[in-house]
Amino acid sequence: MKTIIKLAFVSVIALANVYGATAAEFTKGTVKKIDAKAKKVTLIHEELKALDMPGMTMVFRIKDEAMLDKLREGSNIEFIAERVDGKLMVTEIR
């Protein structure tokens, strides 16, 4: 019985690690336009695997206004986009 519980626990941990790695995948993109007033950025991006979207140009909301200081039009970035309350949002930039 203890062995079954240990195996179940290890399986849950392994699945959590796999899901976490997939959910936090960075995508490459290029900043096309910044709208600081509206806290939005237009990005030309590669495929967003976590959101099942092909590469395209689209507008995203920015989670944290401080991220806007890291962005310059024409710069190449890596970012994480998530659907938050039904809206596409950039949650991390590097």
PDB file of N, CA and C in Angstrom:
ATOM      1  N   MET A   1       0.819  -1.196   0.000  1.00  0.00           N
ATOM      2  CA  MET A   1       0.000   0.000   0.000  1.00  0.00           C
ATOM      3  C   MET A   1       0.871   1.272   0.000  1.00  0.00           C
ATOM      4  N   LYS A   2       1.926   1.265   0.820  1.00  0.00           N
ATOM      5  CA  LYS A   2       2.816   2.421   0.880  1.00  0.00           C
ATOM      6  C   LYS A   2       3.491   2.655  -0.470  1.00  0.00           C
ATOM      7  N   THR A   3       3.817   1.579  -1.153  1.00  0.00           N
ATOM      8  CA  THR A   3       4.458   1.697  -2.462  1.00  0.00           C
ATOM      9  C   THR A   3       3.513   2.359  -3.459  1.00  0.00           C
ATOM     10  N   ILE A   4       2.260   2.007  -3.437  1.00  0.00           N
ATOM     11  CA  ILE A   4       1.263   2.597  -4.347  1.00  0.00           C
ATOM     12  C   ILE A   4       1.118   4.087  -4.070  1.00  0.00           C
ATOM     13  N   ILE A   5       1.078   4.451  -2.817  1.00  0.00           N
ATOM     14  CA  ILE A   5       0.953   5.870  -2.450  1.00  0.00           C
ATOM     15  C   ILE A   5       2.191   6.641  -2.911  1.00  0.00           C
ATOM     16  N   LYS A   6       3.371   6.057  -2.707  1.00  0.00           N
ATOM     17  CA  LYS A   6       4.608   6.719  -3.143  1.00  0.00           C
ATOM     18  C   LYS A   6       4.627   6.886  -4.661  1.00  0.00           C
ATOM     19  N   LEU A   7       4.228   5.848  -5.399  1.00  0.00           N
ATOM     20  CA  LEU A   7       4.189   5.938  -6.858  1.00  0.00           C
ATOM     21  C   LEU A   7       3.193   6.992  -7.329  1.00  0.00           C
ATOM     22  N   ALA A   8       2.051   7.058  -6.678  1.00  0.00           N
ATOM     23  CA  ALA A   8       1.048   8.065  -7.036  1.00  0.00           C
ATOM     24  C   ALA A   8       1.602   9.467  -6.784  1.00  0.00           C
ATOM     25  N   PHE A   9       2.252   9.650  -5.659  1.00  0.00           N
ATOM     26  CA  PHE A   9       2.828  10.949  -5.316  1.00  0.00           C
ATOM     27  C   PHE A   9       3.886  11.363  -6.333  1.00  0.00           C
ATOM     28  N   VAL A  10       4.784  10.445  -6.681  1.00  0.00           N
ATOM     29  CA  VAL A  10       5.836  10.742  -7.654  1.00  0.00           C
ATOM     30  C   VAL A  10       5.222  11.073  -9.010  1.00  0.00           C
ATOM     31  N   SER A  11       4.173  10.364  -9.395  1.00  0.00           N
ATOM     32  CA  SER A  11       3.493  10.627 -10.671  1.00  0.00           C
ATOM     33  C   SER A  11       2.885  12.025 -10.698  1.00  0.00           C
ATOM     34  N   VAL A  12       2.256  12.416  -9.615  1.00  0.00           N
ATOM     35  CA  VAL A  12       1.647  13.746  -9.537  1.00  0.00           C
ATOM     36  C   VAL A  12       2.723  14.827  -9.643  1.00  0.00           C
ATOM     37  N   ILE A  13       3.822  14.652  -8.954  1.00  0.00           N
ATOM     38  CA  ILE A  13       4.918  15.624  -9.012  1.00  0.00           C
ATOM     39  C   ILE A  13       5.474  15.710 -10.432  1.00  0.00           C
ATOM     40  N   ALA A  14       5.674  14.565 -11.083  1.00  0.00           N
ATOM     41  CA  ALA A  14       6.208  14.555 -12.448  1.00  0.00           C
ATOM     42  C   ALA A  14       5.261  15.266 -13.403  1.00  0.00           C
ATOM     43  N   LEU A  15       3.971  15.008 -13.295  1.00  0.00           N
ATOM     44  CA  LEU A  15       2.993  15.669 -14.169  1.00  0.00           C
ATOM     45  C   LEU A  15       2.943  17.164 -13.913  1.00  0.00           C
ATOM     46  N   ALA A  16       3.056  17.570 -12.673  1.00  0.00           N
ATOM     47  CA  ALA A  16       3.050  18.999 -12.349  1.00  0.00           C
ATOM     48  C   ALA A  16       4.257  19.686 -12.968  1.00  0.00           C
ATOM     49  N   ASN A  17       5.406  19.041 -12.938  1.00  0.00           N
ATOM     50  CA  ASN A  17       6.610  19.629 -13.534  1.00  0.00           C
ATOM     51  C   ASN A  17       6.482  19.738 -15.040  1.00  0.00           C
ATOM     52  N   VAL A  18       5.928  18.739 -15.685  1.00  0.00           N
ATOM     53  CA  VAL A  18       5.745  18.780 -17.138  1.00  0.00           C
ATOM     54  C   VAL A  18       4.764  19.877 -17.499  1.00  0.00           C
ATOM     55  N   TYR A  19       3.648  19.984 -16.794  1.00  0.00           N
ATOM     56  CA  TYR A  19       2.665  21.024 -17.088  1.00  0.00           C
ATOM     57  C   TYR A  19       3.262  22.405 -16.859  1.00  0.00           C
ATOM     58  N   GLY A  20       3.995  22.587 -15.776  1.00  0.00           N
ATOM     59  CA  GLY A  20       4.604  23.884 -15.468  1.00  0.00           C
ATOM     60  C   GLY A  20       5.579  24.316 -16.539  1.00  0.00           C
ATOM     61  N   ALA A  21       6.345  23.380 -17.078  1.00  0.00           N
ATOM     62  CA  ALA A  21       7.310  23.714 -18.125  1.00  0.00           C
ATOM     63  C   ALA A  21       6.602  24.146 -19.390  1.00  0.00           C
ATOM     64  N   THR A  22       5.490  23.525 -19.705  1.00  0.00           N
ATOM     65  CA  THR A  22       4.741  23.879 -20.908  1.00  0.00           C
ATOM     66  C   THR A  22       4.034  25.216 -20.739  1.00  0.00           C
ATOM     67  N   ALA A  23       3.466  25.470 -19.586  1.00  0.00           N
ATOM     68  CA  ALA A  23       2.690  26.680 -19.366  1.00  0.00           C
ATOM     69  C   ALA A  23       3.560  27.937 -19.398  1.00  0.00           C
ATOM     70  N   ALA A  24       4.814  27.809 -19.018  1.00  0.00           N
ATOM     71  CA  ALA A  24       5.674  28.985 -18.913  1.00  0.00           C
ATOM     72  C   ALA A  24       6.677  29.059 -20.063  1.00  0.00           C
ATOM     73  N   GLU A  25       6.271  28.683 -21.250  1.00  0.00           N
ATOM     74  CA  GLU A  25       7.176  28.675 -22.390  1.00  0.00           C
ATOM     75  C   GLU A  25       7.274  30.069 -23.002  1.00  0.00           C
ATOM     76  N   PHE A  26       8.512  30.533 -23.174  1.00  0.00           N
ATOM     77  CA  PHE A  26       8.733  31.846 -23.787  1.00  0.00           C
ATOM     78  C   PHE A  26       8.602  31.747 -25.299  1.00  0.00           C
ATOM     79  N   THR A  27       8.089  32.806 -25.909  1.00  0.00           N
ATOM     80  CA  THR A  27       7.914  32.900 -27.360  1.00  0.00           C
ATOM     81  C   THR A  27       8.711  34.096 -27.852  1.00  0.00           C
ATOM     82  N   LYS A  28       9.331  33.946 -29.024  1.00  0.00           N
ATOM     83  CA  LYS A  28      10.091  35.051 -29.612  1.00  0.00           C
ATOM     84  C   LYS A  28       9.146  35.986 -30.348  1.00  0.00           C
ATOM     85  N   GLY A  29       9.454  37.286 -30.258  1.00  0.00           N
ATOM     86  CA  GLY A  29       8.635  38.275 -30.943  1.00  0.00           C
ATOM     87  C   GLY A  29       9.408  39.560 -31.187  1.00  0.00           C
ATOM     88  N   THR A  30       8.816  40.414 -31.995  1.00  0.00           N
ATOM     89  CA  THR A  30       9.383  41.734 -32.281  1.00  0.00           C
ATOM     90  C   THR A  30       8.336  42.781 -31.934  1.00  0.00           C
ATOM     91  N   VAL A  31       8.772  43.810 -31.225  1.00  0.00           N
ATOM     92  CA  VAL A  31       7.857  44.883 -30.826  1.00  0.00           C
ATOM     93  C   VAL A  31       7.582  45.763 -32.042  1.00  0.00           C
ATOM     94  N   LYS A  32       6.311  45.846 -32.418  1.00  0.00           N
ATOM     95  CA  LYS A  32       5.929  46.678 -33.562  1.00  0.00           C
ATOM     96  C   LYS A  32       5.455  48.049 -33.094  1.00  0.00           C
ATOM     97  N   LYS A  33       4.655  48.076 -32.023  1.00  0.00           N
ATOM     98  CA  LYS A  33       4.095  49.347 -31.548  1.00  0.00           C
ATOM     99  C   LYS A  33       3.847  49.249 -30.048  1.00  0.00           C
ATOM    100  N   ILE A  34       4.034  50.366 -29.357  1.00  0.00           N
ATOM    101  CA  ILE A  34       3.786  50.444 -27.918  1.00  0.00           C
ATOM    102  C   ILE A  34       2.748  51.529 -27.669  1.00  0.00           C
ATOM    103  N   ASP A  35       1.710  51.182 -26.915  1.00  0.00           N
ATOM    104  CA  ASP A  35       0.697  52.149 -26.510  1.00  0.00           C
ATOM    105  C   ASP A  35       0.704  52.197 -24.983  1.00  0.00           C
ATOM    106  N   ALA A  36       1.596  53.024 -24.439  1.00  0.00           N
ATOM    107  CA  ALA A  36       1.782  53.087 -22.990  1.00  0.00           C
ATOM    108  C   ALA A  36       0.523  53.553 -22.276  1.00  0.00           C
ATOM    109  N   LYS A  37      -0.199  54.477 -22.889  1.00  0.00           N
ATOM    110  CA  LYS A  37      -1.409  55.021 -22.270  1.00  0.00           C
ATOM    111  C   LYS A  37      -2.449  53.925 -22.036  1.00  0.00           C
ATOM    112  N   ALA A  38      -2.606  53.026 -23.010  1.00  0.00           N
ATOM    113  CA  ALA A  38      -3.588  51.942 -22.914  1.00  0.00           C
ATOM    114  C   ALA A  38      -2.987  50.674 -22.307  1.00  0.00           C
ATOM    115  N   LYS A  39      -1.686  50.685 -21.988  1.00  0.00           N
ATOM    116  CA  LYS A  39      -0.959  49.518 -21.481  1.00  0.00           C
ATOM    117  C   LYS A  39      -1.089  48.328 -22.437  1.00  0.00           C
ATOM    118  N   LYS A  40      -0.799  48.609 -23.730  1.00  0.00           N
ATOM    119  CA  LYS A  40      -0.860  47.575 -24.758  1.00  0.00           C
ATOM    120  C   LYS A  40       0.387  47.620 -25.623  1.00  0.00           C
ATOM    121  N   VAL A  41       0.706  46.473 -26.204  1.00  0.00           N
ATOM    122  CA  VAL A  41       1.843  46.378 -27.106  1.00  0.00           C
ATOM    123  C   VAL A  41       1.432  45.506 -28.292  1.00  0.00           C
ATOM    124  N   THR A  42       1.869  45.920 -29.489  1.00  0.00           N
ATOM    125  CA  THR A  42       1.641  45.128 -30.694  1.00  0.00           C
ATOM    126  C   THR A  42       2.918  44.353 -30.971  1.00  0.00           C
ATOM    127  N   LEU A  43       2.785  43.029 -31.082  1.00  0.00           N
ATOM    128  CA  LEU A  43       3.932  42.161 -31.294  1.00  0.00           C
ATOM    129  C   LEU A  43       3.769  41.329 -32.552  1.00  0.00           C
ATOM    130  N   ILE A  44       4.856  41.164 -33.286  1.00  0.00           N
ATOM    131  CA  ILE A  44       4.940  40.193 -34.369  1.00  0.00           C
ATOM    132  C   ILE A  44       5.565  38.974 -33.699  1.00  0.00           C
ATOM    133  N   HIS A  45       4.820  37.887 -33.578  1.00  0.00           N
ATOM    134  CA  HIS A  45       5.311  36.771 -32.768  1.00  0.00           C
ATOM    135  C   HIS A  45       5.281  35.435 -33.497  1.00  0.00           C
ATOM    136  N   GLU A  46       6.096  34.514 -32.977  1.00  0.00           N
ATOM    137  CA  GLU A  46       6.088  33.142 -33.451  1.00  0.00           C
ATOM    138  C   GLU A  46       4.864  32.432 -32.869  1.00  0.00           C
ATOM    139  N   GLU A  47       4.752  31.165 -33.141  1.00  0.00           N
ATOM    140  CA  GLU A  47       3.625  30.372 -32.642  1.00  0.00           C
ATOM    141  C   GLU A  47       3.553  30.430 -31.115  1.00  0.00           C
ATOM    142  N   LEU A  48       2.339  30.659 -30.609  1.00  0.00           N
ATOM    143  CA  LEU A  48       2.094  30.637 -29.167  1.00  0.00           C
ATOM    144  C   LEU A  48       1.534  29.252 -28.840  1.00  0.00           C
ATOM    145  N   LYS A  49       2.414  28.324 -28.499  1.00  0.00           N
ATOM    146  CA  LYS A  49       2.013  26.936 -28.291  1.00  0.00           C
ATOM    147  C   LYS A  49       1.021  26.788 -27.149  1.00  0.00           C
ATOM    148  N   ALA A  50       1.239  27.491 -26.055  1.00  0.00           N
ATOM    149  CA  ALA A  50       0.362  27.374 -24.887  1.00  0.00           C
ATOM    150  C   ALA A  50      -1.056  27.852 -25.193  1.00  0.00           C
ATOM    151  N   LEU A  51      -1.194  28.763 -26.162  1.00  0.00           N
ATOM    152  CA  LEU A  51      -2.515  29.288 -26.531  1.00  0.00           C
ATOM    153  C   LEU A  51      -3.024  28.695 -27.844  1.00  0.00           C
ATOM    154  N   ASP A  52      -2.242  27.786 -28.426  1.00  0.00           N
ATOM    155  CA  ASP A  52      -2.604  27.129 -29.685  1.00  0.00           C
ATOM    156  C   ASP A  52      -2.892  28.156 -30.786  1.00  0.00           C
ATOM    157  N   MET A  53      -1.951  29.106 -30.952  1.00  0.00           N
ATOM    158  CA  MET A  53      -2.085  30.158 -31.968  1.00  0.00           C
ATOM    159  C   MET A  53      -0.878  30.151 -32.892  1.00  0.00           C
ATOM    160  N   PRO A  54      -1.105  30.328 -34.188  1.00  0.00           N
ATOM    161  CA  PRO A  54       0.030  30.420 -35.113  1.00  0.00           C
ATOM    162  C   PRO A  54       0.718  31.772 -34.967  1.00  0.00           C
ATOM    163  N   GLY A  55       1.886  31.894 -35.586  1.00  0.00           N
ATOM    164  CA  GLY A  55       2.589  33.166 -35.587  1.00  0.00           C
ATOM    165  C   GLY A  55       1.779  34.219 -36.324  1.00  0.00           C
ATOM    166  N   MET A  56       1.780  35.442 -35.823  1.00  0.00           N
ATOM    167  CA  MET A  56       1.029  36.544 -36.430  1.00  0.00           C
ATOM    168  C   MET A  56       1.407  37.852 -35.755  1.00  0.00           C
ATOM    169  N   THR A  57       0.761  38.922 -36.156  1.00  0.00           N
ATOM    170  CA  THR A  57       0.909  40.224 -35.504  1.00  0.00           C
ATOM    171  C   THR A  57      -0.368  40.491 -34.736  1.00  0.00           C
ATOM    172  N   MET A  58      -0.236  40.801 -33.452  1.00  0.00           N
ATOM    173  CA  MET A  58      -1.431  41.076 -32.653  1.00  0.00           C
ATOM    174  C   MET A  58      -1.126  41.984 -31.469  1.00  0.00           C
ATOM    175  N   VAL A  59      -2.179  42.511 -30.893  1.00  0.00           N
ATOM    176  CA  VAL A  59      -2.089  43.430 -29.755  1.00  0.00           C
ATOM    177  C   VAL A  59      -2.312  42.644 -28.468  1.00  0.00           C
ATOM    178  N   PHE A  60      -1.458  42.913 -27.488  1.00  0.00           N
ATOM    179  CA  PHE A  60      -1.573  42.290 -26.174  1.00  0.00           C
ATOM    180  C   PHE A  60      -1.675  43.358 -25.110  1.00  0.00           C
ATOM    181  N   ARG A  61      -2.375  43.060 -24.057  1.00  0.00           N
ATOM    182  CA  ARG A  61      -2.333  43.898 -22.858  1.00  0.00           C
ATOM    183  C   ARG A  61      -1.046  43.558 -22.111  1.00  0.00           C
ATOM    184  N   ILE A  62      -0.597  44.467 -21.264  1.00  0.00           N
ATOM    185  CA  ILE A  62       0.610  44.264 -20.462  1.00  0.00           C
ATOM    186  C   ILE A  62       0.186  44.095 -19.010  1.00  0.00           C
ATOM    187  N   LYS A  63       0.673  43.028 -18.376  1.00  0.00           N
ATOM    188  CA  LYS A  63       0.293  42.748 -16.987  1.00  0.00           C
ATOM    189  C   LYS A  63       0.763  43.839 -16.033  1.00  0.00           C
ATOM    190  N   ASP A  64       2.022  44.223 -16.192  1.00  0.00           N
ATOM    191  CA  ASP A  64       2.632  45.188 -15.270  1.00  0.00           C
ATOM    192  C   ASP A  64       3.159  46.372 -16.071  1.00  0.00           C
ATOM    193  N   GLU A  65       2.726  47.547 -15.733  1.00  0.00           N
ATOM    194  CA  GLU A  65       3.116  48.765 -16.453  1.00  0.00           C
ATOM    195  C   GLU A  65       4.637  48.948 -16.505  1.00  0.00           C
ATOM    196  N   ALA A  66       5.351  48.434 -15.511  1.00  0.00           N
ATOM    197  CA  ALA A  66       6.821  48.550 -15.484  1.00  0.00           C
ATOM    198  C   ALA A  66       7.460  47.809 -16.653  1.00  0.00           C
ATOM    199  N   MET A  67       6.765  46.824 -17.218  1.00  0.00           N
ATOM    200  CA  MET A  67       7.297  46.090 -18.374  1.00  0.00           C
ATOM    201  C   MET A  67       7.463  47.001 -19.581  1.00  0.00           C
ATOM    202  N   LEU A  68       6.660  48.040 -19.669  1.00  0.00           N
ATOM    203  CA  LEU A  68       6.730  48.953 -20.816  1.00  0.00           C
ATOM    204  C   LEU A  68       8.094  49.624 -20.916  1.00  0.00           C
ATOM    205  N   ASP A  69       8.770  49.811 -19.774  1.00  0.00           N
ATOM    206  CA  ASP A  69      10.097  50.431 -19.777  1.00  0.00           C
ATOM    207  C   ASP A  69      11.143  49.547 -20.458  1.00  0.00           C
ATOM    208  N   LYS A  70      10.882  48.237 -20.521  1.00  0.00           N
ATOM    209  CA  LYS A  70      11.824  47.292 -21.132  1.00  0.00           C
ATOM    210  C   LYS A  70      11.633  47.192 -22.645  1.00  0.00           C
ATOM    211  N   LEU A  71      10.570  47.794 -23.168  1.00  0.00           N
ATOM    212  CA  LEU A  71      10.228  47.620 -24.579  1.00  0.00           C
ATOM    213  C   LEU A  71      10.619  48.828 -25.421  1.00  0.00           C
ATOM    214  N   ARG A  72      11.090  48.540 -26.618  1.00  0.00           N
ATOM    215  CA  ARG A  72      11.390  49.565 -27.615  1.00  0.00           C
ATOM    216  C   ARG A  72      10.870  49.063 -28.946  1.00  0.00           C
ATOM    217  N   GLU A  73      10.245  49.934 -29.718  1.00  0.00           N
ATOM    218  CA  GLU A  73       9.758  49.538 -31.039  1.00  0.00           C
ATOM    219  C   GLU A  73      10.911  49.019 -31.876  1.00  0.00           C
ATOM    220  N   GLY A  74      10.700  47.866 -32.506  1.00  0.00           N
ATOM    221  CA  GLY A  74      11.711  47.233 -33.333  1.00  0.00           C
ATOM    222  C   GLY A  74      12.607  46.255 -32.592  1.00  0.00           C
ATOM    223  N   SER A  75      12.524  46.222 -31.257  1.00  0.00           N
ATOM    224  CA  SER A  75      13.397  45.314 -30.508  1.00  0.00           C
ATOM    225  C   SER A  75      12.840  43.891 -30.498  1.00  0.00           C
ATOM    226  N   ASN A  76      13.763  42.934 -30.456  1.00  0.00           N
ATOM    227  CA  ASN A  76      13.398  41.526 -30.369  1.00  0.00           C
ATOM    228  C   ASN A  76      13.318  41.136 -28.902  1.00  0.00           C
ATOM    229  N   ILE A  77      12.261  40.420 -28.535  1.00  0.00           N
ATOM    230  CA  ILE A  77      12.053  40.020 -27.150  1.00  0.00           C
ATOM    231  C   ILE A  77      11.646  38.548 -27.102  1.00  0.00           C
ATOM    232  N   GLU A  78      11.621  38.016 -25.903  1.00  0.00           N
ATOM    233  CA  GLU A  78      10.999  36.741 -25.604  1.00  0.00           C
ATOM    234  C   GLU A  78       9.965  37.041 -24.533  1.00  0.00           C
ATOM    235  N   PHE A  79       8.793  36.448 -24.659  1.00  0.00           N
ATOM    236  CA  PHE A  79       7.706  36.780 -23.741  1.00  0.00           C
ATOM    237  C   PHE A  79       6.825  35.573 -23.476  1.00  0.00           C
ATOM    238  N   ILE A  80       6.056  35.673 -22.404  1.00  0.00           N
ATOM    239  CA  ILE A  80       5.027  34.690 -22.096  1.00  0.00           C
ATOM    240  C   ILE A  80       3.690  35.407 -22.200  1.00  0.00           C
ATOM    241  N   ALA A  81       2.780  34.822 -22.966  1.00  0.00           N
ATOM    242  CA  ALA A  81       1.429  35.369 -23.103  1.00  0.00           C
ATOM    243  C   ALA A  81       0.446  34.372 -22.505  1.00  0.00           C
ATOM    244  N   GLU A  82      -0.527  34.897 -21.808  1.00  0.00           N
ATOM    245  CA  GLU A  82      -1.568  34.069 -21.195  1.00  0.00           C
ATOM    246  C   GLU A  82      -2.920  34.724 -21.422  1.00  0.00           C
ATOM    247  N   ARG A  83      -3.958  33.908 -21.319  1.00  0.00           N
ATOM    248  CA  ARG A  83      -5.318  34.429 -21.393  1.00  0.00           C
ATOM    249  C   ARG A  83      -5.758  34.713 -19.959  1.00  0.00           C
ATOM    250  N   VAL A  84      -5.994  35.992 -19.648  1.00  0.00           N
ATOM    251  CA  VAL A  84      -6.393  36.419 -18.315  1.00  0.00           C
ATOM    252  C   VAL A  84      -7.758  37.093 -18.431  1.00  0.00           C
ATOM    253  N   ASP A  85      -8.741  36.525 -17.781  1.00  0.00           N
ATOM    254  CA  ASP A  85     -10.121  37.038 -17.856  1.00  0.00           C
ATOM    255  C   ASP A  85     -10.575  37.209 -19.304  1.00  0.00           C
ATOM    256  N   GLY A  86     -10.199  36.258 -20.148  1.00  0.00           N
ATOM    257  CA  GLY A  86     -10.615  36.273 -21.547  1.00  0.00           C
ATOM    258  C   GLY A  86      -9.812  37.188 -22.454  1.00  0.00           C
ATOM    259  N   LYS A  87      -8.828  37.883 -21.902  1.00  0.00           N
ATOM    260  CA  LYS A  87      -8.011  38.810 -22.683  1.00  0.00           C
ATOM    261  C   LYS A  87      -6.583  38.282 -22.771  1.00  0.00           C
ATOM    262  N   LEU A  88      -5.948  38.486 -23.934  1.00  0.00           N
ATOM    263  CA  LEU A  88      -4.557  38.069 -24.094  1.00  0.00           C
ATOM    264  C   LEU A  88      -3.643  39.077 -23.429  1.00  0.00           C
ATOM    265  N   MET A  89      -2.727  38.560 -22.599  1.00  0.00           N
ATOM    266  CA  MET A  89      -1.884  39.440 -21.811  1.00  0.00           C
ATOM    267  C   MET A  89      -0.452  38.917 -21.794  1.00  0.00           C
ATOM    268  N   VAL A  90       0.506  39.843 -21.941  1.00  0.00           N
ATOM    269  CA  VAL A  90       1.916  39.512 -21.755  1.00  0.00           C
ATOM    270  C   VAL A  90       2.176  39.561 -20.253  1.00  0.00           C
ATOM    271  N   THR A  91       2.632  38.418 -19.711  1.00  0.00           N
ATOM    272  CA  THR A  91       2.852  38.335 -18.268  1.00  0.00           C
ATOM    273  C   THR A  91       4.320  38.366 -17.880  1.00  0.00           C
ATOM    274  N   GLU A  92       5.213  38.049 -18.839  1.00  0.00           N
ATOM    275  CA  GLU A  92       6.649  38.110 -18.575  1.00  0.00           C
ATOM    276  C   GLU A  92       7.383  38.497 -19.849  1.00  0.00           C
ATOM    277  N   ILE A  93       8.496  39.216 -19.673  1.00  0.00           N
ATOM    278  CA  ILE A  93       9.346  39.620 -20.801  1.00  0.00           C
ATOM    279  C   ILE A  93      10.798  39.409 -20.393  1.00  0.00           C
ATOM    280  N   ARG A  94      11.573  38.943 -21.371  1.00  0.00           N
ATOM    281  CA  ARG A  94      13.028  38.884 -21.142  1.00  0.00           C
ATOM    282  C   ARG A  94      13.746  39.210 -22.421  1.00  0.00           C
TER     283      ARG A  94
END
